[in-house]
Structure formats: structure tokens, C-alpha cells
Amino acid sequence: MPGGTQKWYLETFPEHRHTLTFPQLTHFKGLQVIGGKDCQAVTKTPEHKATFKIGQNITVTALHTPCHTQDSICWFMEDGNDRVVFTGDTLFIGGMSTSSLVAIALSLMTKQGCGRFFEGTPAEMDTALNETLAALPPDTKVYPGHEYTQQNVKFLLKALPKSDHVRELEAFAENNEQTQGKKTIGDEKKYNVFMRLQDPVVQDFTGQKDSVEVMRVLREQKNAG
């Protein structure tokens, strides 16, 4: 990569496993580093839903999804009839952000705001997944920052044990080492419990009806294994 002619570098959030270091970035002369305000060497932070072009054909839309970090941005891209979204650590195939919610129980233990877990709240993740990302066209292919599908399926089978969609995902993950870009937003709505907060089966599993509380309990249960 050093000495290359790359012009664009998009960051989903400031985390070393997802980003180049500042010395690496300086190898690219004139490189535009586009991401959240806390991302390394960032030169531009687009507003939520702001759009710009890469080349002549690719339209990029910045989708702010604060929770994993407060400056997390998912990148929705369209090229003709092809659509993809790069979700970083906000949405995984069959799952959602993990480390951002490790201390989720604090939201019940503090009266100062919503209670912080890493940098966000259950309400923010509900908005990120079920308003911002769920509004994308259903054929949008999902590219998360990590391959966690097989372990995510284990939890889905607990929450939706009779779901044919979960069983299909289980078989798919067993036969595909990499699942990024092979599932869509429409697929996620069928089996991803974090995008099915109104599903009576999911609500029974959590013992909650309110969407934010369902999100909170789902994360606690997944943390507990």
C-alpha cells in the first residue's frame, strides 16, 4: 500500500483493528480520511445522511450510528442497482456490537442520564439498528467489521429456537467461512433478534415489551452466554 494512489479512506469508528495508523496514512499523498471526529488523521466528518461521490458512479451516504462509539458511522454505497453498507462494529450478521454494551447493566443503576456502557445506550442501539439501518433497501448487502456469524447463531437459537430463518443461517455459516456481503438488510430483519424487538417470541424470551428494554435484556443475555 505505501506509495499508492488511493484517494479515499473511510473509517467506521476509531479502533486500531479497523484503521490504519497515522504513519501508514501519511504514505498516501492527498488522501482524504473520512470518518467520525475522533478517527485518526480524519480530514472530514460528514453530517448524518450527507452524500458524496467516489468516482463517477458510486454514491456514498454517511449514516451516523452512535452507540459502539459516539462517532460511529456506517457507510451506505450505491452503484447502479448494487447496494452495500459497511457497518463496522454496529451490525454483524445475526448480531450487533459487543464490547460497546459490556456495562449495559449500568443503565439501570444510575440516575445520571441513560447510563453509559462504553459510549452508548440501549436506546441509541435501537435507533441505529431499527431506524437508521433498517430503513435501507432490503437488498442492501451487509459488510460488518468482523466475522462472528457462527457464534451469533448460537444465541439466535436460544432466542428463536423454532425459526426456520435462524436454522438456514446456521447451515449457511457452517458452510461459509466468511459471510460478509452474502447477507442483506432484508435477511437480518428475518433472524437478527436485535432487529426483531417487536417479535412476540423475542419479547417472551426477554420478559419485556418496551423496545429499549428488550434491547437491554437481549444484550445482557448474550453477554452472559
Protein backbone atom coordinates (compact mmCIF):
# COMPACT_ATOMS: atom_id res chain seq x y z
CA MET A 1 0.00 0.00 0.00
CA PRO A 2 2.74 2.57 0.70
CA GLY A 3 3.26 4.88 -2.24
CA GLY A 4 -0.12 4.00 -3.72
CA THR A 5 -2.63 6.34 -5.33
CA GLN A 6 -5.57 5.73 -3.02
CA LYS A 7 -7.66 8.91 -2.68
CA TRP A 8 -10.36 7.90 -0.18
CA TYR A 9 -10.18 6.20 3.19
CA LEU A 10 -13.43 5.71 5.10
CA GLU A 11 -13.44 4.86 8.80
CA THR A 12 -16.41 3.40 10.64
CA PHE A 13 -15.10 4.26 14.12
CA PRO A 14 -11.78 4.90 15.90
CA GLU A 15 -10.46 1.44 16.78
CA HIS A 16 -7.00 0.12 15.90
CA ARG A 17 -8.22 -3.15 14.39
CA HIS A 18 -10.29 -1.21 11.85
CA THR A 19 -7.96 1.61 10.91
CA LEU A 20 -4.52 2.32 9.54
CA THR A 21 -2.10 4.14 11.81
CA PHE A 22 -1.18 7.76 11.20
CA PRO A 23 2.28 6.83 9.76
CA GLN A 24 0.59 4.39 7.38
CA LEU A 25 -1.90 7.01 6.27
CA THR A 26 0.83 9.53 5.51
CA HIS A 27 2.16 7.25 2.75
CA PHE A 28 -0.84 8.28 0.66
CA LYS A 29 -0.32 11.81 -0.59
CA GLY A 30 -3.51 13.86 -0.75
CA LEU A 31 -5.53 11.09 0.92
CA GLN A 32 -8.94 12.13 2.24
CA VAL A 33 -9.64 10.36 5.54
CA ILE A 34 -13.39 10.49 6.08
CA GLY A 35 -14.90 9.35 9.37
CA GLY A 36 -16.06 10.37 12.82
CA LYS A 37 -14.39 13.32 14.53
CA ASP A 38 -12.28 11.06 16.78
CA CYS A 39 -10.93 8.86 13.99
CA GLN A 40 -7.18 9.01 13.41
CA ALA A 41 -5.97 11.57 10.88
CA VAL A 42 -9.56 12.38 9.88
CA THR A 43 -9.85 15.21 7.38
CA LYS A 44 -13.64 15.32 7.05
CA THR A 45 -16.66 14.24 9.10
CA PRO A 46 -19.84 14.30 7.01
CA GLU A 47 -23.18 15.13 8.58
CA HIS A 48 -25.72 12.35 9.10
CA LYS A 49 -27.19 11.34 5.72
CA ALA A 50 -24.74 13.56 3.82
CA THR A 51 -23.79 12.12 0.44
CA PHE A 52 -20.73 12.33 -1.78
CA LYS A 53 -19.30 10.55 -4.81
CA ILE A 54 -16.41 8.15 -5.19
CA GLY A 55 -15.55 8.25 -8.86
CA GLN A 56 -18.42 8.85 -11.24
CA ASN A 57 -20.73 6.03 -10.25
CA ILE A 58 -20.56 5.29 -6.52
CA THR A 59 -22.77 7.38 -4.24
CA VAL A 60 -21.84 7.22 -0.56
CA THR A 61 -24.19 8.14 2.28
CA ALA A 62 -22.89 8.68 5.82
CA LEU A 63 -25.18 7.09 8.41
CA HIS A 64 -24.36 8.16 11.94
CA THR A 65 -25.00 5.25 14.31
CA PRO A 66 -23.76 6.34 17.75
CA CYS A 67 -23.52 3.62 20.38
CA HIS A 68 -20.48 1.39 19.93
CA THR A 69 -18.69 4.73 19.87
CA GLN A 70 -20.39 8.09 19.74
CA ASP A 71 -18.86 8.88 16.36
CA SER A 72 -19.59 5.54 14.69
CA ILE A 73 -20.56 5.96 11.04
CA CYS A 74 -21.92 3.27 8.72
CA TRP A 75 -21.28 3.79 5.02
CA PHE A 76 -24.12 3.07 2.58
CA MET A 77 -22.97 2.86 -1.03
CA GLU A 78 -24.91 2.62 -4.26
CA ASP A 79 -23.59 1.84 -7.72
CA GLY A 80 -26.49 1.50 -10.11
CA ASN A 81 -28.67 -1.30 -8.74
CA ASP A 82 -25.96 -2.60 -6.41
CA ARG A 83 -26.17 -1.53 -2.75
CA VAL A 84 -23.88 -2.28 0.19
CA VAL A 85 -23.45 -1.00 3.74
CA PHE A 86 -20.24 -1.15 5.76
CA THR A 87 -21.34 -1.39 9.39
CA GLY A 88 -18.08 -1.60 11.38
CA ASP A 89 -18.96 -2.91 14.85
CA THR A 90 -22.57 -1.68 14.84
CA LEU A 91 -24.24 -4.56 12.99
CA PHE A 92 -22.90 -8.08 12.48
CA ILE A 93 -24.51 -10.91 10.54
CA GLY A 94 -27.04 -12.22 13.06
CA GLY A 95 -25.79 -9.92 15.81
CA MET A 96 -24.76 -6.48 16.94
CA SER A 97 -21.96 -4.62 18.69
CA THR A 98 -20.46 -6.49 21.63
CA SER A 99 -17.85 -4.52 23.51
CA SER A 100 -19.89 -1.34 23.39
CA LEU A 101 -22.51 -2.90 25.65
CA VAL A 102 -20.37 -4.73 28.20
CA ALA A 103 -21.55 -2.50 31.02
CA ILE A 104 -25.16 -2.26 29.91
CA ALA A 105 -26.48 -3.00 33.41
CA LEU A 106 -25.24 0.42 34.47
CA SER A 107 -28.19 1.93 32.66
CA LEU A 108 -30.37 0.63 35.48
CA MET A 109 -28.02 1.64 38.28
CA THR A 110 -27.57 5.34 37.63
CA LYS A 111 -29.92 8.30 37.57
CA GLN A 112 -27.46 10.44 35.64
CA GLY A 113 -28.77 10.34 32.09
CA CYS A 114 -29.26 6.97 30.48
CA GLY A 115 -26.22 5.28 31.98
CA ARG A 116 -23.17 4.72 29.80
CA PHE A 117 -21.87 1.41 28.51
CA PHE A 118 -18.68 2.12 26.60
CA GLU A 119 -20.11 5.12 24.74
CA GLY A 120 -23.80 4.45 24.21
CA THR A 121 -27.18 3.28 25.45
CA PRO A 122 -29.73 0.59 24.50
CA ALA A 123 -31.94 3.34 23.06
CA GLU A 124 -29.15 4.50 20.79
CA MET A 125 -28.54 0.98 19.51
CA ASP A 126 -32.27 0.52 18.91
CA THR A 127 -32.22 3.69 16.82
CA ALA A 128 -29.06 2.69 14.97
CA LEU A 129 -30.34 -0.77 14.03
CA ASN A 130 -34.09 -0.38 13.80
CA GLU A 131 -34.45 3.10 12.42
CA THR A 132 -31.25 4.02 10.58
CA LEU A 133 -30.06 0.70 9.14
CA ALA A 134 -33.50 -0.92 8.93
CA ALA A 135 -34.60 1.91 6.63
CA LEU A 136 -32.10 0.87 3.93
CA PRO A 137 -33.37 -1.05 0.90
CA PRO A 138 -33.82 -4.73 1.83
CA ASP A 139 -31.41 -5.91 -0.89
CA THR A 140 -28.51 -3.93 0.65
CA LYS A 141 -25.60 -6.31 1.29
CA VAL A 142 -24.10 -6.09 4.78
CA TYR A 143 -20.33 -5.89 5.34
CA PRO A 144 -19.55 -5.92 9.09
CA GLY A 145 -16.14 -5.30 10.61
CA HIS A 146 -15.75 -8.87 11.92
CA GLU A 147 -16.82 -12.42 11.10
CA TYR A 148 -18.86 -13.51 14.13
CA THR A 149 -21.76 -15.32 12.46
CA GLN A 150 -21.24 -18.80 13.86
CA GLN A 151 -21.10 -17.60 17.44
CA ASN A 152 -24.04 -15.23 16.87
CA VAL A 153 -26.16 -18.14 15.65
CA LYS A 154 -25.73 -19.90 19.00
CA PHE A 155 -27.56 -17.06 20.72
CA LEU A 156 -30.18 -16.77 18.00
CA LEU A 157 -31.08 -20.43 18.51
CA LYS A 158 -31.77 -19.67 22.17
CA ALA A 159 -33.98 -16.67 21.44
CA LEU A 160 -35.71 -18.02 18.31
CA PRO A 161 -35.41 -21.83 18.65
CA LYS A 162 -38.18 -22.56 16.14
CA SER A 163 -37.16 -20.05 13.46
CA ASP A 164 -36.52 -21.56 10.04
CA HIS A 165 -34.60 -18.39 9.14
CA VAL A 166 -32.17 -18.95 12.02
CA ARG A 167 -31.70 -22.60 11.02
CA GLU A 168 -30.96 -21.51 7.46
CA LEU A 169 -28.37 -19.03 8.75
CA GLU A 170 -26.83 -21.75 10.91
CA ALA A 171 -26.40 -24.00 7.90
CA PHE A 172 -25.08 -21.13 5.80
CA ALA A 173 -22.48 -20.20 8.42
CA GLU A 174 -21.33 -23.80 8.75
CA ASN A 175 -20.70 -23.95 5.01
CA ASN A 176 -19.26 -20.46 4.53
CA GLU A 177 -16.18 -19.38 6.46
CA GLN A 178 -16.89 -15.75 5.52
CA THR A 179 -20.44 -14.39 5.46
CA GLN A 180 -19.76 -10.67 4.96
CA GLY A 181 -21.50 -9.35 1.87
CA LYS A 182 -23.53 -12.53 1.48
CA LYS A 183 -26.49 -11.44 3.59
CA THR A 184 -28.70 -8.37 3.27
CA ILE A 185 -30.60 -5.95 5.48
CA GLY A 186 -33.74 -7.84 4.49
CA ASP A 187 -32.16 -11.07 5.70
CA GLU A 188 -31.15 -9.50 9.01
CA LYS A 189 -34.72 -8.47 9.72
CA LYS A 190 -35.76 -12.13 9.47
CA TYR A 191 -33.35 -13.65 12.02
CA ASN A 192 -31.38 -10.97 13.87
CA VAL A 193 -33.12 -10.72 17.26
CA PHE A 194 -31.70 -7.23 17.81
CA MET A 195 -33.74 -6.14 14.78
CA ARG A 196 -36.84 -8.05 15.91
CA LEU A 197 -37.66 -6.23 19.14
CA GLN A 198 -41.41 -6.36 18.39
CA ASP A 199 -41.41 -10.11 17.78
CA PRO A 200 -43.63 -11.74 20.48
CA VAL A 201 -41.21 -14.67 20.72
CA VAL A 202 -38.29 -12.32 21.37
CA GLN A 203 -40.34 -10.37 23.90
CA ASP A 204 -41.27 -13.57 25.72
CA PHE A 205 -37.59 -14.56 25.74
CA THR A 206 -36.64 -11.28 27.43
CA GLY A 207 -39.75 -10.84 29.56
CA GLN A 208 -40.04 -7.28 28.24
CA LYS A 209 -42.35 -5.40 25.86
CA ASP A 210 -40.74 -1.99 25.54
CA SER A 211 -38.25 -1.98 22.66
CA VAL A 212 -35.42 -0.37 24.61
CA GLU A 213 -35.87 -2.81 27.47
CA VAL A 214 -35.95 -5.74 25.05
CA MET A 215 -32.67 -4.49 23.58
CA ARG A 216 -31.15 -4.11 27.03
CA VAL A 217 -32.10 -7.59 28.19
CA LEU A 218 -31.04 -9.24 24.91
CA ARG A 219 -27.58 -7.72 25.29
CA GLU A 220 -27.35 -8.84 28.92
CA GLN A 221 -28.37 -12.36 27.98
CA LYS A 222 -25.89 -12.53 25.14
CA ASN A 223 -23.12 -11.21 27.40
CA ALA A 224 -23.96 -13.97 29.87
CA GLY A 225 -23.52 -16.58 27.14
